[in-house]
C-alpha atoms as a PDB file:
ATOM      1  CA  MET A   1       4.907 -24.906  -6.745  1.00  0.00           C
ATOM      2  CA  LYS A   2       6.521 -21.565  -5.851  1.00  0.00           C
ATOM      3  CA  LYS A   3       6.017 -20.205  -2.366  1.00  0.00           C
ATOM      4  CA  ALA A   4       5.636 -16.500  -1.579  1.00  0.00           C
ATOM      5  CA  LEU A   5       5.752 -14.868   1.854  1.00  0.00           C
ATOM      6  CA  ILE A   6       4.063 -11.473   2.228  1.00  0.00           C
ATOM      7  CA  THR A   7       4.375  -9.048   5.132  1.00  0.00           C
ATOM      8  CA  GLY A   8       1.442  -6.638   5.325  1.00  0.00           C
ATOM      9  CA  ILE A   9      -0.789  -9.224   3.657  1.00  0.00           C
ATOM     10  CA  THR A  10      -3.967  -7.779   5.239  1.00  0.00           C
ATOM     11  CA  GLY A  11      -3.433  -4.371   3.604  1.00  0.00           C
ATOM     12  CA  GLN A  12      -4.663  -3.129   0.248  1.00  0.00           C
ATOM     13  CA  ASP A  13      -1.564  -4.231  -1.669  1.00  0.00           C
ATOM     14  CA  GLY A  14      -1.235  -7.499   0.218  1.00  0.00           C
ATOM     15  CA  SER A  15      -4.755  -8.554  -0.725  1.00  0.00           C
ATOM     16  CA  TYR A  16      -4.348  -7.755  -4.429  1.00  0.00           C
ATOM     17  CA  LEU A  17      -0.908  -9.394  -4.530  1.00  0.00           C
ATOM     18  CA  SER A  18      -2.285 -12.531  -2.858  1.00  0.00           C
ATOM     19  CA  GLU A  19      -5.019 -12.830  -5.469  1.00  0.00           C
ATOM     20  CA  PHE A  20      -2.493 -12.284  -8.254  1.00  0.00           C
ATOM     21  CA  LEU A  21      -0.028 -14.881  -6.972  1.00  0.00           C
ATOM     22  CA  LEU A  22      -2.731 -17.477  -6.319  1.00  0.00           C
ATOM     23  CA  LYS A  23      -3.839 -17.137  -9.943  1.00  0.00           C
ATOM     24  CA  LYS A  24      -0.208 -17.710 -10.932  1.00  0.00           C
ATOM     25  CA  GLY A  25      -0.249 -21.023  -9.046  1.00  0.00           C
ATOM     26  CA  TYR A  26       1.738 -19.925  -5.986  1.00  0.00           C
ATOM     27  CA  GLU A  27       1.339 -21.109  -2.430  1.00  0.00           C
ATOM     28  CA  VAL A  28       0.874 -17.819  -0.578  1.00  0.00           C
ATOM     29  CA  HIS A  29       1.842 -17.252   3.044  1.00  0.00           C
ATOM     30  CA  GLY A  30       1.181 -14.050   4.942  1.00  0.00           C
ATOM     31  CA  ILE A  31       2.353 -12.542   8.204  1.00  0.00           C
ATOM     32  CA  VAL A  32      -0.341 -10.994  10.395  1.00  0.00           C
ATOM     33  CA  ARG A  33      -0.075  -9.220  13.734  1.00  0.00           C
ATOM     34  CA  ARG A  34      -2.033 -10.659  16.639  1.00  0.00           C
ATOM     35  CA  ALA A  35      -5.006  -8.516  17.666  1.00  0.00           C
ATOM     36  CA  SER A  36      -8.010  -9.021  19.907  1.00  0.00           C
ATOM     37  CA  THR A  37     -10.304  -8.442  16.929  1.00  0.00           C
ATOM     38  CA  PHE A  38     -10.042  -9.853  13.424  1.00  0.00           C
ATOM     39  CA  ASN A  39      -8.228  -7.534  11.010  1.00  0.00           C
ATOM     40  CA  THR A  40      -8.291  -9.722   7.909  1.00  0.00           C
ATOM     41  CA  ASP A  41     -11.268  -8.209   6.066  1.00  0.00           C
ATOM     42  CA  ARG A  42      -9.407  -7.742   2.777  1.00  0.00           C
ATOM     43  CA  VAL A  43      -8.269 -11.376   2.559  1.00  0.00           C
ATOM     44  CA  ASP A  44     -11.152 -13.232   4.200  1.00  0.00           C
ATOM     45  CA  HIS A  45     -12.448 -14.281   0.788  1.00  0.00           C
ATOM     46  CA  LEU A  46      -9.153 -16.095   0.147  1.00  0.00           C
ATOM     47  CA  TYR A  47      -9.012 -17.941   3.435  1.00  0.00           C
ATOM     48  CA  ASP A  48      -9.781 -21.646   3.765  1.00  0.00           C
ATOM     49  CA  ASP A  49      -9.466 -24.056   6.668  1.00  0.00           C
ATOM     50  CA  PRO A  50      -5.785 -25.095   6.700  1.00  0.00           C
ATOM     51  CA  HIS A  51      -6.910 -28.623   7.616  1.00  0.00           C
ATOM     52  CA  ASN A  52      -8.446 -28.992   4.159  1.00  0.00           C
ATOM     53  CA  PRO A  53      -6.299 -30.612   1.463  1.00  0.00           C
ATOM     54  CA  GLY A  54      -4.759 -28.416  -1.210  1.00  0.00           C
ATOM     55  CA  VAL A  55      -4.959 -25.116   0.701  1.00  0.00           C
ATOM     56  CA  ARG A  56      -2.610 -22.549  -0.868  1.00  0.00           C
ATOM     57  CA  PHE A  57      -3.319 -19.493   1.293  1.00  0.00           C
ATOM     58  CA  LEU A  58      -1.948 -19.599   4.834  1.00  0.00           C
ATOM     59  CA  LEU A  59      -1.475 -16.992   7.575  1.00  0.00           C
ATOM     60  CA  HIS A  60       1.164 -16.861  10.306  1.00  0.00           C
ATOM     61  CA  TYR A  61       1.363 -14.672  13.401  1.00  0.00           C
ATOM     62  CA  GLY A  62       4.443 -12.469  13.369  1.00  0.00           C
ATOM     63  CA  ASP A  63       5.618  -8.874  13.446  1.00  0.00           C
ATOM     64  CA  LEU A  64       8.324  -6.763  11.832  1.00  0.00           C
ATOM     65  CA  ALA A  65       9.131  -5.615  15.381  1.00  0.00           C
ATOM     66  CA  ASP A  66       9.988  -9.214  16.336  1.00  0.00           C
ATOM     67  CA  GLY A  67      13.002 -10.651  14.534  1.00  0.00           C
ATOM     68  CA  SER A  68      12.635 -14.096  16.130  1.00  0.00           C
ATOM     69  CA  SER A  69       9.136 -14.524  14.708  1.00  0.00           C
ATOM     70  CA  LEU A  70      10.437 -13.631  11.256  1.00  0.00           C
ATOM     71  CA  ARG A  71      13.149 -16.277  11.506  1.00  0.00           C
ATOM     72  CA  HIS A  72      10.710 -18.957  12.658  1.00  0.00           C
ATOM     73  CA  ILE A  73       8.299 -18.176   9.814  1.00  0.00           C
ATOM     74  CA  LEU A  74      11.065 -18.278   7.199  1.00  0.00           C
ATOM     75  CA  GLU A  75      12.179 -21.708   8.422  1.00  0.00           C
ATOM     76  CA  GLU A  76       8.613 -22.993   8.400  1.00  0.00           C
ATOM     77  CA  VAL A  77       7.542 -21.571   5.027  1.00  0.00           C
ATOM     78  CA  ARG A  78      10.852 -21.817   3.102  1.00  0.00           C
ATOM     79  CA  PRO A  79       9.729 -19.194   0.546  1.00  0.00           C
ATOM     80  CA  ASP A  80      11.076 -18.595  -2.942  1.00  0.00           C
ATOM     81  CA  GLU A  81       9.961 -14.949  -2.853  1.00  0.00           C
ATOM     82  CA  VAL A  82       9.392 -12.469  -0.030  1.00  0.00           C
ATOM     83  CA  TYR A  83       7.353  -9.298  -0.504  1.00  0.00           C
ATOM     84  CA  ASN A  84       7.898  -6.775   2.289  1.00  0.00           C
ATOM     85  CA  LEU A  85       4.726  -4.670   2.251  1.00  0.00           C
ATOM     86  CA  GLY A  86       4.313  -4.326   6.016  1.00  0.00           C
ATOM     87  CA  ALA A  87       4.489  -0.790   7.404  1.00  0.00           C
ATOM     88  CA  GLN A  88       2.906   1.957   9.448  1.00  0.00           C
ATOM     89  CA  SER A  89       2.015   3.614   6.170  1.00  0.00           C
ATOM     90  CA  HIS A  90      -0.047   6.667   7.110  1.00  0.00           C
ATOM     91  CA  VAL A  91       2.014   9.841   6.590  1.00  0.00           C
ATOM     92  CA  LYS A  92       0.005  11.981   9.028  1.00  0.00           C
ATOM     93  CA  VAL A  93       0.185   9.317  11.735  1.00  0.00           C
ATOM     94  CA  SER A  94       3.953   9.085  11.262  1.00  0.00           C
ATOM     95  CA  PHE A  95       4.264  12.622  12.629  1.00  0.00           C
ATOM     96  CA  GLN A  96       2.289  11.529  15.686  1.00  0.00           C
ATOM     97  CA  GLN A  97       4.146   8.209  16.109  1.00  0.00           C
ATOM     98  CA  PRO A  98       7.587   8.810  14.586  1.00  0.00           C
ATOM     99  CA  VAL A  99       9.532   6.339  16.735  1.00  0.00           C
ATOM    100  CA  TYR A 100       7.084   3.499  16.139  1.00  0.00           C
ATOM    101  CA  THR A 101       7.029   4.301  12.419  1.00  0.00           C
ATOM    102  CA  ALA A 102      10.831   4.193  12.241  1.00  0.00           C
ATOM    103  CA  ASP A 103      10.958   0.915  14.164  1.00  0.00           C
ATOM    104  CA  ILE A 104       8.539  -0.868  11.827  1.00  0.00           C
ATOM    105  CA  VAL A 105       9.279   0.753   8.468  1.00  0.00           C
ATOM    106  CA  ALA A 106      13.064   1.194   8.729  1.00  0.00           C
ATOM    107  CA  THR A 107      14.382  -1.163  11.418  1.00  0.00           C
ATOM    108  CA  GLY A 108      11.654  -3.693  10.611  1.00  0.00           C
ATOM    109  CA  THR A 109      13.026  -3.930   7.083  1.00  0.00           C
ATOM    110  CA  LEU A 110      16.520  -4.464   8.499  1.00  0.00           C
ATOM    111  CA  ARG A 111      15.240  -7.227  10.793  1.00  0.00           C
ATOM    112  CA  LEU A 112      13.617  -8.971   7.849  1.00  0.00           C
ATOM    113  CA  LEU A 113      16.691  -8.703   5.614  1.00  0.00           C
ATOM    114  CA  GLU A 114      18.918 -10.032   8.404  1.00  0.00           C
ATOM    115  CA  ALA A 115      16.530 -12.945   8.937  1.00  0.00           C
ATOM    116  CA  ILE A 116      16.535 -13.733   5.212  1.00  0.00           C
ATOM    117  CA  ARG A 117      20.327 -13.464   5.021  1.00  0.00           C
ATOM    118  CA  ASP A 118      20.721 -15.900   7.919  1.00  0.00           C
ATOM    119  CA  TYR A 119      18.142 -18.237   6.410  1.00  0.00           C
ATOM    120  CA  GLN A 120      19.961 -18.282   3.046  1.00  0.00           C
ATOM    121  CA  THR A 121      23.304 -18.962   4.749  1.00  0.00           C
ATOM    122  CA  ARG A 122      21.928 -21.877   6.776  1.00  0.00           C
ATOM    123  CA  ASN A 123      19.884 -23.458   4.014  1.00  0.00           C
ATOM    124  CA  GLY A 124      21.760 -22.555   0.848  1.00  0.00           C
ATOM    125  CA  GLN A 125      18.503 -21.397  -0.734  1.00  0.00           C
ATOM    126  CA  LYS A 126      18.306 -18.185  -2.750  1.00  0.00           C
ATOM    127  CA  VAL A 127      15.320 -16.003  -1.845  1.00  0.00           C
ATOM    128  CA  LYS A 128      14.136 -13.146  -4.039  1.00  0.00           C
ATOM    129  CA  VAL A 129      13.029 -10.090  -2.063  1.00  0.00           C
ATOM    130  CA  TYR A 130      10.753  -7.215  -3.020  1.00  0.00           C
ATOM    131  CA  GLN A 131      11.144  -4.133  -0.820  1.00  0.00           C
ATOM    132  CA  ALA A 132       8.228  -1.686  -0.949  1.00  0.00           C
ATOM    133  CA  GLY A 133       9.397   1.890  -1.357  1.00  0.00           C
ATOM    134  CA  SER A 134       7.219   4.972  -1.707  1.00  0.00           C
ATOM    135  CA  SER A 135       7.039   8.117  -3.783  1.00  0.00           C
ATOM    136  CA  GLU A 136       7.007   9.950  -0.437  1.00  0.00           C
ATOM    137  CA  MET A 137      10.759   9.319  -0.390  1.00  0.00           C
ATOM    138  CA  PHE A 138      11.099  12.003  -3.074  1.00  0.00           C
ATOM    139  CA  GLY A 139       9.163  14.521  -0.982  1.00  0.00           C
ATOM    140  CA  ALA A 140      10.224  18.007  -2.051  1.00  0.00           C
ATOM    141  CA  ALA A 141      12.317  16.841  -5.031  1.00  0.00           C
ATOM    142  CA  LYS A 142      11.443  18.552  -8.309  1.00  0.00           C
ATOM    143  CA  PRO A 143       9.067  16.538 -10.541  1.00  0.00           C
ATOM    144  CA  PRO A 144       9.064  14.382 -12.533  1.00  0.00           C
ATOM    145  CA  GLN A 145      10.812  11.932 -10.221  1.00  0.00           C
ATOM    146  CA  SER A 146      12.732   8.949 -11.567  1.00  0.00           C
ATOM    147  CA  GLU A 147      15.198   6.395 -10.222  1.00  0.00           C
ATOM    148  CA  ALA A 148      17.930   9.019 -10.638  1.00  0.00           C
ATOM    149  CA  THR A 149      16.132  11.698  -8.581  1.00  0.00           C
ATOM    150  CA  PRO A 150      17.727  12.358  -5.155  1.00  0.00           C
ATOM    151  CA  PHE A 151      15.461  11.607  -2.220  1.00  0.00           C
ATOM    152  CA  TYR A 152      14.145  14.534  -0.156  1.00  0.00           C
ATOM    153  CA  PRO A 153      11.806  12.967   2.441  1.00  0.00           C
ATOM    154  CA  ARG A 154       9.380  15.246   4.295  1.00  0.00           C
ATOM    155  CA  SER A 155       7.883  12.981   6.981  1.00  0.00           C
ATOM    156  CA  PRO A 156       9.050  10.333   9.475  1.00  0.00           C
ATOM    157  CA  TYR A 157       7.358   7.744   7.249  1.00  0.00           C
ATOM    158  CA  ALA A 158       9.277   8.917   4.185  1.00  0.00           C
ATOM    159  CA  VAL A 159      12.589   9.063   6.048  1.00  0.00           C
ATOM    160  CA  SER A 160      11.994   5.511   7.260  1.00  0.00           C
ATOM    161  CA  LYS A 161      11.206   4.321   3.737  1.00  0.00           C
ATOM    162  CA  VAL A 162      14.458   5.884   2.507  1.00  0.00           C
ATOM    163  CA  ALA A 163      16.298   3.901   5.174  1.00  0.00           C
ATOM    164  CA  GLY A 164      14.540   0.702   4.088  1.00  0.00           C
ATOM    165  CA  TYR A 165      15.486   1.401   0.476  1.00  0.00           C
ATOM    166  CA  TRP A 166      19.172   1.823   1.317  1.00  0.00           C
ATOM    167  CA  TYR A 167      19.172  -1.241   3.560  1.00  0.00           C
ATOM    168  CA  GLY A 168      17.949  -3.151   0.511  1.00  0.00           C
ATOM    169  CA  VAL A 169      20.686  -1.728  -1.718  1.00  0.00           C
ATOM    170  CA  ASN A 170      23.350  -2.342   0.936  1.00  0.00           C
ATOM    171  CA  TYR A 171      22.379  -5.978   1.501  1.00  0.00           C
ATOM    172  CA  ARG A 172      22.158  -6.566  -2.244  1.00  0.00           C
ATOM    173  CA  GLU A 173      25.661  -5.240  -2.787  1.00  0.00           C
ATOM    174  CA  SER A 174      27.214  -6.636   0.392  1.00  0.00           C
ATOM    175  CA  TYR A 175      25.792 -10.160   0.430  1.00  0.00           C
ATOM    176  CA  ASP A 176      24.807 -10.766  -3.211  1.00  0.00           C
ATOM    177  CA  MET A 177      21.144 -10.986  -2.227  1.00  0.00           C
ATOM    178  CA  PHE A 178      18.345 -10.620  -4.792  1.00  0.00           C
ATOM    179  CA  ILE A 179      16.578  -7.485  -3.522  1.00  0.00           C
ATOM    180  CA  SER A 180      14.555  -5.190  -5.772  1.00  0.00           C
ATOM    181  CA  ASN A 181      13.180  -1.877  -4.557  1.00  0.00           C
ATOM    182  CA  GLY A 182       9.861  -0.762  -5.995  1.00  0.00           C
ATOM    183  CA  ILE A 183       9.304   2.979  -5.621  1.00  0.00           C
ATOM    184  CA  LEU A 184       5.538   3.028  -5.979  1.00  0.00           C
ATOM    185  CA  PHE A 185       3.657   6.255  -6.470  1.00  0.00           C
ATOM    186  CA  ASN A 186       0.164   6.591  -4.986  1.00  0.00           C
ATOM    187  CA  HIS A 187      -1.977   3.591  -5.831  1.00  0.00           C
ATOM    188  CA  GLU A 188      -5.609   3.424  -4.836  1.00  0.00           C
ATOM    189  CA  SER A 189      -8.605   1.093  -4.977  1.00  0.00           C
ATOM    190  CA  PRO A 190     -11.902   0.344  -3.241  1.00  0.00           C
ATOM    191  CA  ARG A 191      -9.744  -1.483  -0.659  1.00  0.00           C
ATOM    192  CA  ARG A 192      -7.783   1.632   0.253  1.00  0.00           C
ATOM    193  CA  GLY A 193      -7.939   2.485   3.954  1.00  0.00           C
ATOM    194  CA  GLU A 194     -10.743   4.908   4.750  1.00  0.00           C
ATOM    195  CA  THR A 195      -8.418   7.450   6.389  1.00  0.00           C
ATOM    196  CA  PHE A 196      -6.344   7.944   3.200  1.00  0.00           C
ATOM    197  CA  VAL A 197      -7.477  11.030   1.307  1.00  0.00           C
ATOM    198  CA  THR A 198      -8.815   9.345  -1.848  1.00  0.00           C
ATOM    199  CA  ARG A 199     -10.930   6.827   0.011  1.00  0.00           C
ATOM    200  CA  LYS A 200     -11.913   9.433   2.574  1.00  0.00           C
ATOM    201  CA  ILE A 201     -13.295  11.504  -0.311  1.00  0.00           C
ATOM    202  CA  THR A 202     -15.190   8.732  -2.106  1.00  0.00           C
ATOM    203  CA  ARG A 203     -16.572   7.284   1.132  1.00  0.00           C
ATOM    204  CA  ALA A 204     -17.753  10.641   2.461  1.00  0.00           C
ATOM    205  CA  LEU A 205     -19.264  11.883  -0.806  1.00  0.00           C
ATOM    206  CA  ALA A 206     -21.189   8.628  -1.220  1.00  0.00           C
ATOM    207  CA  ARG A 207     -22.597   8.986   2.297  1.00  0.00           C
ATOM    208  CA  ILE A 208     -23.480  12.634   1.587  1.00  0.00           C
ATOM    209  CA  LYS A 209     -25.267  11.539  -1.579  1.00  0.00           C
ATOM    210  CA  VAL A 210     -27.615   9.217   0.317  1.00  0.00           C
ATOM    211  CA  GLY A 211     -28.116  11.611   3.243  1.00  0.00           C
ATOM    212  CA  LEU A 212     -25.962   9.906   5.874  1.00  0.00           C
ATOM    213  CA  GLN A 213     -23.435  12.730   6.193  1.00  0.00           C
ATOM    214  CA  GLU A 214     -23.393  16.487   5.650  1.00  0.00           C
ATOM    215  CA  LYS A 215     -19.756  17.630   5.699  1.00  0.00           C
ATOM    216  CA  LEU A 216     -16.341  16.437   4.596  1.00  0.00           C
ATOM    217  CA  TYR A 217     -13.292  18.013   6.219  1.00  0.00           C
ATOM    218  CA  LEU A 218     -10.036  18.076   4.236  1.00  0.00           C
ATOM    219  CA  GLY A 219      -6.613  19.722   4.294  1.00  0.00           C
ATOM    220  CA  ASN A 220      -4.475  20.804   1.337  1.00  0.00           C
ATOM    221  CA  LEU A 221      -6.500  20.525  -1.890  1.00  0.00           C
ATOM    222  CA  ASP A 222      -3.676  21.749  -4.107  1.00  0.00           C
ATOM    223  CA  SER A 223      -1.152  18.965  -3.529  1.00  0.00           C
ATOM    224  CA  LYS A 224      -0.663  16.842  -6.651  1.00  0.00           C
ATOM    225  CA  ARG A 225      -0.182  13.092  -6.812  1.00  0.00           C
ATOM    226  CA  ASP A 226       0.410  10.436  -9.461  1.00  0.00           C
ATOM    227  CA  TRP A 227      -2.531   8.095  -8.791  1.00  0.00           C
ATOM    228  CA  GLY A 228      -2.787   4.571 -10.197  1.00  0.00           C
ATOM    229  CA  PHE A 229      -4.722   1.373  -9.468  1.00  0.00           C
ATOM    230  CA  ALA A 230      -3.274  -0.925  -6.794  1.00  0.00           C
ATOM    231  CA  GLY A 231      -4.255  -4.026  -8.763  1.00  0.00           C
ATOM    232  CA  ASP A 232      -1.950  -2.911 -11.597  1.00  0.00           C
ATOM    233  CA  TYR A 233       0.923  -2.117  -9.262  1.00  0.00           C
ATOM    234  CA  VAL A 234       1.141  -5.536  -7.600  1.00  0.00           C
ATOM    235  CA  GLU A 235       1.852  -7.043 -11.014  1.00  0.00           C
ATOM    236  CA  ALA A 236       4.870  -4.736 -11.236  1.00  0.00           C
ATOM    237  CA  MET A 237       6.104  -6.114  -7.903  1.00  0.00           C
ATOM    238  CA  TRP A 238       5.920  -9.660  -9.209  1.00  0.00           C
ATOM    239  CA  MET A 239       7.551  -8.775 -12.523  1.00  0.00           C
ATOM    240  CA  MET A 240      10.551  -7.292 -10.719  1.00  0.00           C
ATOM    241  CA  LEU A 241      11.237 -10.641  -9.049  1.00  0.00           C
ATOM    242  CA  GLN A 242      11.009 -12.573 -12.325  1.00  0.00           C
ATOM    243  CA  GLN A 243      14.069 -10.803 -13.760  1.00  0.00           C
ATOM    244  CA  GLU A 244      17.535 -12.354 -13.876  1.00  0.00           C
ATOM    245  CA  LYS A 245      19.067  -9.537 -11.835  1.00  0.00           C
ATOM    246  CA  PRO A 246      17.624  -7.347  -9.072  1.00  0.00           C
ATOM    247  CA  ASP A 247      17.117  -3.658  -9.711  1.00  0.00           C
ATOM    248  CA  ASP A 248      15.185  -0.616  -8.505  1.00  0.00           C
ATOM    249  CA  PHE A 249      12.149   0.753 -10.334  1.00  0.00           C
ATOM    250  CA  VAL A 250       9.750   3.679 -10.153  1.00  0.00           C
ATOM    251  CA  VAL A 251       6.154   2.468 -10.634  1.00  0.00           C
ATOM    252  CA  ALA A 252       3.812   5.257 -11.722  1.00  0.00           C
ATOM    253  CA  THR A 253       1.376   6.400 -14.403  1.00  0.00           C
ATOM    254  CA  GLY A 254       3.305   9.502 -15.497  1.00  0.00           C
ATOM    255  CA  GLU A 255       0.261  11.714 -14.840  1.00  0.00           C
ATOM    256  CA  ALA A 256      -0.511  13.808 -11.765  1.00  0.00           C
ATOM    257  CA  PHE A 257      -3.769  15.277 -10.468  1.00  0.00           C
ATOM    258  CA  SER A 258      -4.458  17.495  -7.491  1.00  0.00           C
ATOM    259  CA  VAL A 259      -6.615  16.501  -4.531  1.00  0.00           C
ATOM    260  CA  ARG A 260      -9.041  19.140  -5.809  1.00  0.00           C
ATOM    261  CA  GLU A 261      -9.216  17.395  -9.201  1.00  0.00           C
ATOM    262  CA  PHE A 262      -9.792  14.025  -7.541  1.00  0.00           C
ATOM    263  CA  LEU A 263     -12.547  15.592  -5.439  1.00  0.00           C
ATOM    264  CA  THR A 264     -14.153  17.197  -8.497  1.00  0.00           C
ATOM    265  CA  GLU A 265     -14.077  13.953 -10.490  1.00  0.00           C
ATOM    266  CA  ALA A 266     -15.549  11.943  -7.612  1.00  0.00           C
ATOM    267  CA  ALA A 267     -18.320  14.500  -7.048  1.00  0.00           C
ATOM    268  CA  SER A 268     -19.194  14.578 -10.747  1.00  0.00           C
ATOM    269  CA  ASN A 269     -19.806  10.816 -10.649  1.00  0.00           C
ATOM    270  CA  LEU A 270     -22.365  11.439  -7.923  1.00  0.00           C
ATOM    271  CA  ASP A 271     -23.845  14.621  -9.442  1.00  0.00           C
ATOM    272  CA  LEU A 272     -22.799  16.601  -6.362  1.00  0.00           C
ATOM    273  CA  ASP A 273     -21.479  20.128  -5.915  1.00  0.00           C
ATOM    274  CA  TRP A 274     -18.646  19.359  -3.490  1.00  0.00           C
ATOM    275  CA  GLU A 275     -18.136  23.032  -2.596  1.00  0.00           C
ATOM    276  CA  LYS A 276     -21.422  22.893  -0.666  1.00  0.00           C
ATOM    277  CA  HIS A 277     -20.162  20.065   1.517  1.00  0.00           C
ATOM    278  CA  VAL A 278     -16.376  20.372   1.880  1.00  0.00           C
ATOM    279  CA  GLU A 279     -14.653  22.477   4.522  1.00  0.00           C
ATOM    280  CA  ILE A 280     -10.923  23.014   5.001  1.00  0.00           C
ATOM    281  CA  ASP A 281      -9.567  22.149   8.432  1.00  0.00           C
ATOM    282  CA  PRO A 282      -5.985  23.284   9.217  1.00  0.00           C
ATOM    283  CA  ARG A 283      -5.519  20.185  11.388  1.00  0.00           C
ATOM    284  CA  TYR A 284      -5.231  18.104   8.233  1.00  0.00           C
ATOM    285  CA  PHE A 285      -2.244  19.990   6.844  1.00  0.00           C
ATOM    286  CA  ARG A 286       1.084  18.222   7.343  1.00  0.00           C
ATOM    287  CA  PRO A 287       3.886  19.875   9.357  1.00  0.00           C
ATOM    288  CA  ALA A 288       5.995  19.553   6.176  1.00  0.00           C
ATOM    289  CA  GLU A 289       3.948  19.435   2.974  1.00  0.00           C
ATOM    290  CA  VAL A 290       4.726  17.434  -0.165  1.00  0.00           C
ATOM    291  CA  ASP A 291       3.335  19.503  -3.001  1.00  0.00           C
ATOM    292  CA  TYR A 292       3.924  17.588  -6.229  1.00  0.00           C
ATOM    293  CA  LEU A 293       4.730  13.933  -6.869  1.00  0.00           C
ATOM    294  CA  LEU A 294       4.885  12.836 -10.511  1.00  0.00           C
ATOM    295  CA  GLY A 295       6.572   9.583 -11.439  1.00  0.00           C
ATOM    296  CA  ASP A 296       8.617   8.835 -14.552  1.00  0.00           C
ATOM    297  CA  PRO A 297       7.949   5.135 -15.331  1.00  0.00           C
ATOM    298  CA  THR A 298      10.216   5.023 -18.413  1.00  0.00           C
ATOM    299  CA  LYS A 299      12.699   2.567 -16.910  1.00  0.00           C
ATOM    300  CA  ILE A 300      10.186  -0.088 -15.845  1.00  0.00           C
ATOM    301  CA  GLN A 301       8.288   0.212 -19.118  1.00  0.00           C
ATOM    302  CA  ASN A 302      11.440  -0.272 -21.193  1.00  0.00           C
ATOM    303  CA  ALA A 303      13.197  -2.815 -18.976  1.00  0.00           C
ATOM    304  CA  ILE A 304      10.401  -5.248 -18.096  1.00  0.00           C
ATOM    305  CA  GLY A 305       7.392  -4.048 -20.075  1.00  0.00           C
ATOM    306  CA  TRP A 306       5.082  -3.011 -17.248  1.00  0.00           C
ATOM    307  CA  LYS A 307       2.393  -0.412 -17.949  1.00  0.00           C
ATOM    308  CA  PRO A 308      -0.707   0.663 -15.958  1.00  0.00           C
ATOM    309  CA  ASN A 309      -4.086  -0.454 -17.299  1.00  0.00           C
ATOM    310  CA  VAL A 310      -6.575   1.632 -15.289  1.00  0.00           C
ATOM    311  CA  PRO A 311      -6.665   5.382 -16.078  1.00  0.00           C
ATOM    312  CA  PHE A 312      -7.430   8.079 -13.523  1.00  0.00           C
ATOM    313  CA  LYS A 313     -11.122   8.617 -14.302  1.00  0.00           C
ATOM    314  CA  VAL A 314     -11.858   4.885 -14.361  1.00  0.00           C
ATOM    315  CA  LEU A 315     -10.106   4.490 -11.003  1.00  0.00           C
ATOM    316  CA  VAL A 316     -12.149   7.268  -9.407  1.00  0.00           C
ATOM    317  CA  LYS A 317     -15.408   5.835 -10.748  1.00  0.00           C
ATOM    318  CA  MET A 318     -14.472   2.370  -9.489  1.00  0.00           C
ATOM    319  CA  MET A 319     -13.984   3.737  -5.981  1.00  0.00           C
ATOM    320  CA  VAL A 320     -17.114   5.911  -6.059  1.00  0.00           C
ATOM    321  CA  ASP A 321     -19.312   3.045  -7.299  1.00  0.00           C
ATOM    322  CA  HIS A 322     -18.027   0.773  -4.546  1.00  0.00           C
ATOM    323  CA  ASP A 323     -18.554   3.340  -1.799  1.00  0.00           C
ATOM    324  CA  LEU A 324     -21.979   4.329  -3.087  1.00  0.00           C
ATOM    325  CA  GLU A 325     -23.079   0.712  -2.788  1.00  0.00           C
ATOM    326  CA  MET A 326     -21.649   0.612   0.749  1.00  0.00           C
ATOM    327  CA  ALA A 327     -23.521   3.811   1.633  1.00  0.00           C
ATOM    328  CA  LYS A 328     -26.795   2.407   0.303  1.00  0.00           C
ATOM    329  CA  GLN A 329     -26.341  -0.735   2.388  1.00  0.00           C
ATOM    330  CA  GLU A 330     -25.589   1.403   5.432  1.00  0.00           C
ATOM    331  CA  GLN A 331     -28.689   3.488   4.748  1.00  0.00           C
ATOM    332  CA  THR A 332     -30.847   0.363   4.530  1.00  0.00           C
ATOM    333  CA  LEU A 333     -29.509  -0.905   7.859  1.00  0.00           C
ATOM    334  CA  LYS A 334     -30.058   2.474   9.494  1.00  0.00           C
ATOM    335  CA  GLN A 335     -33.634   2.612   8.238  1.00  0.00           C
ATOM    336  CA  ALA A 336     -34.158  -0.834   9.735  1.00  0.00           C
ATOM    337  CA  GLY A 337     -32.990   0.472  13.101  1.00  0.00           C
ATOM    338  CA  HIS A 338     -29.467  -0.950  13.109  1.00  0.00           C
ATOM    339  CA  ALA A 339     -26.512   1.163  14.242  1.00  0.00           C
ATOM    340  CA  VAL A 340     -23.563   1.046  11.840  1.00  0.00           C
ATOM    341  CA  ALA A 341     -20.082   1.892  13.072  1.00  0.00           C
ATOM    342  CA  LEU A 342     -17.708   3.482  10.564  1.00  0.00           C
ATOM    343  CA  ARG A 343     -14.246   1.967  10.511  1.00  0.00           C
ATOM    344  CA  GLY A 344     -11.181   4.081  11.092  1.00  0.00           C
ATOM    345  CA  VAL A 345     -10.732   7.409  12.813  1.00  0.00           C
ATOM    346  CA  ALA A 346     -13.336   9.960  11.755  1.00  0.00           C
ATOM    347  CA  ASN A 347     -11.887  12.682   9.545  1.00  0.00           C
ATOM    348  CA  GLU A 348      -8.294  11.412   9.981  1.00  0.00           C
END
């Protein structure tokens, strides 16, 4: 039975990847940060008492800021594959916490690669590593962006991801490690964090539809993104590690839509006129904007045969339907006199 270790397992991608690997017969281990409240909502349905026989989903306390914890977990788990998805991944927050973002996203990747290198040297076991990159690394580069496009990062998060990418390349070339970089363009789902613009839109419009909210405040509606479904993209991660040699791949749909188009499509699913409810707030503009990200997935399609399955309109409807059901449940609780706290920072 193959073993996989996932950092960032409680995030959107970590939850979909866990489900995917469990279906493939893997034993899945995840690293979670200690917190005073539970933060495992996305993977709770996978969890089982580790005392039970045959459990294949296990969590370990650790942190990309703590190299010793990474080393201990590697020795305990002895993984065949490591997926580094852990990050402070919110672009806007990275401007507010640039040093922390750099420590986790850039130096955290270095800590993990060093721990894996030491582990391989001591144990003589080859570990395949997936390093999560981001389309934000391209930033202001002219679209479409491919593996050959020079990086032009426009945020502390993007700069840190560029560093993580090059750490991966450097360790691959210096120590003959199997490290593949996946440069994933925006990928969304009903599990997307509620402060990311797509989920912020679908969540707010659903609440407006049932009368729980009146306004939605947004920033730049004209920025364009290549949006795909997160469940499709985790398969690409796995496929990269099944190849004979490591390589770097752009993962994208090859189509881009503006925030305005996403907003219009989501509103149409709810029969709403969004212009009556949406206001622009300058606070939500980035200090350095990224106007147009459009991925060229030719290499990954030709080299390993990956293609996205969920088109843009289906993705938007999936998210709207999920959030409408959540809004209806919230409405029912409110009518019954229960207070419901929204997760996340309001209007992040």
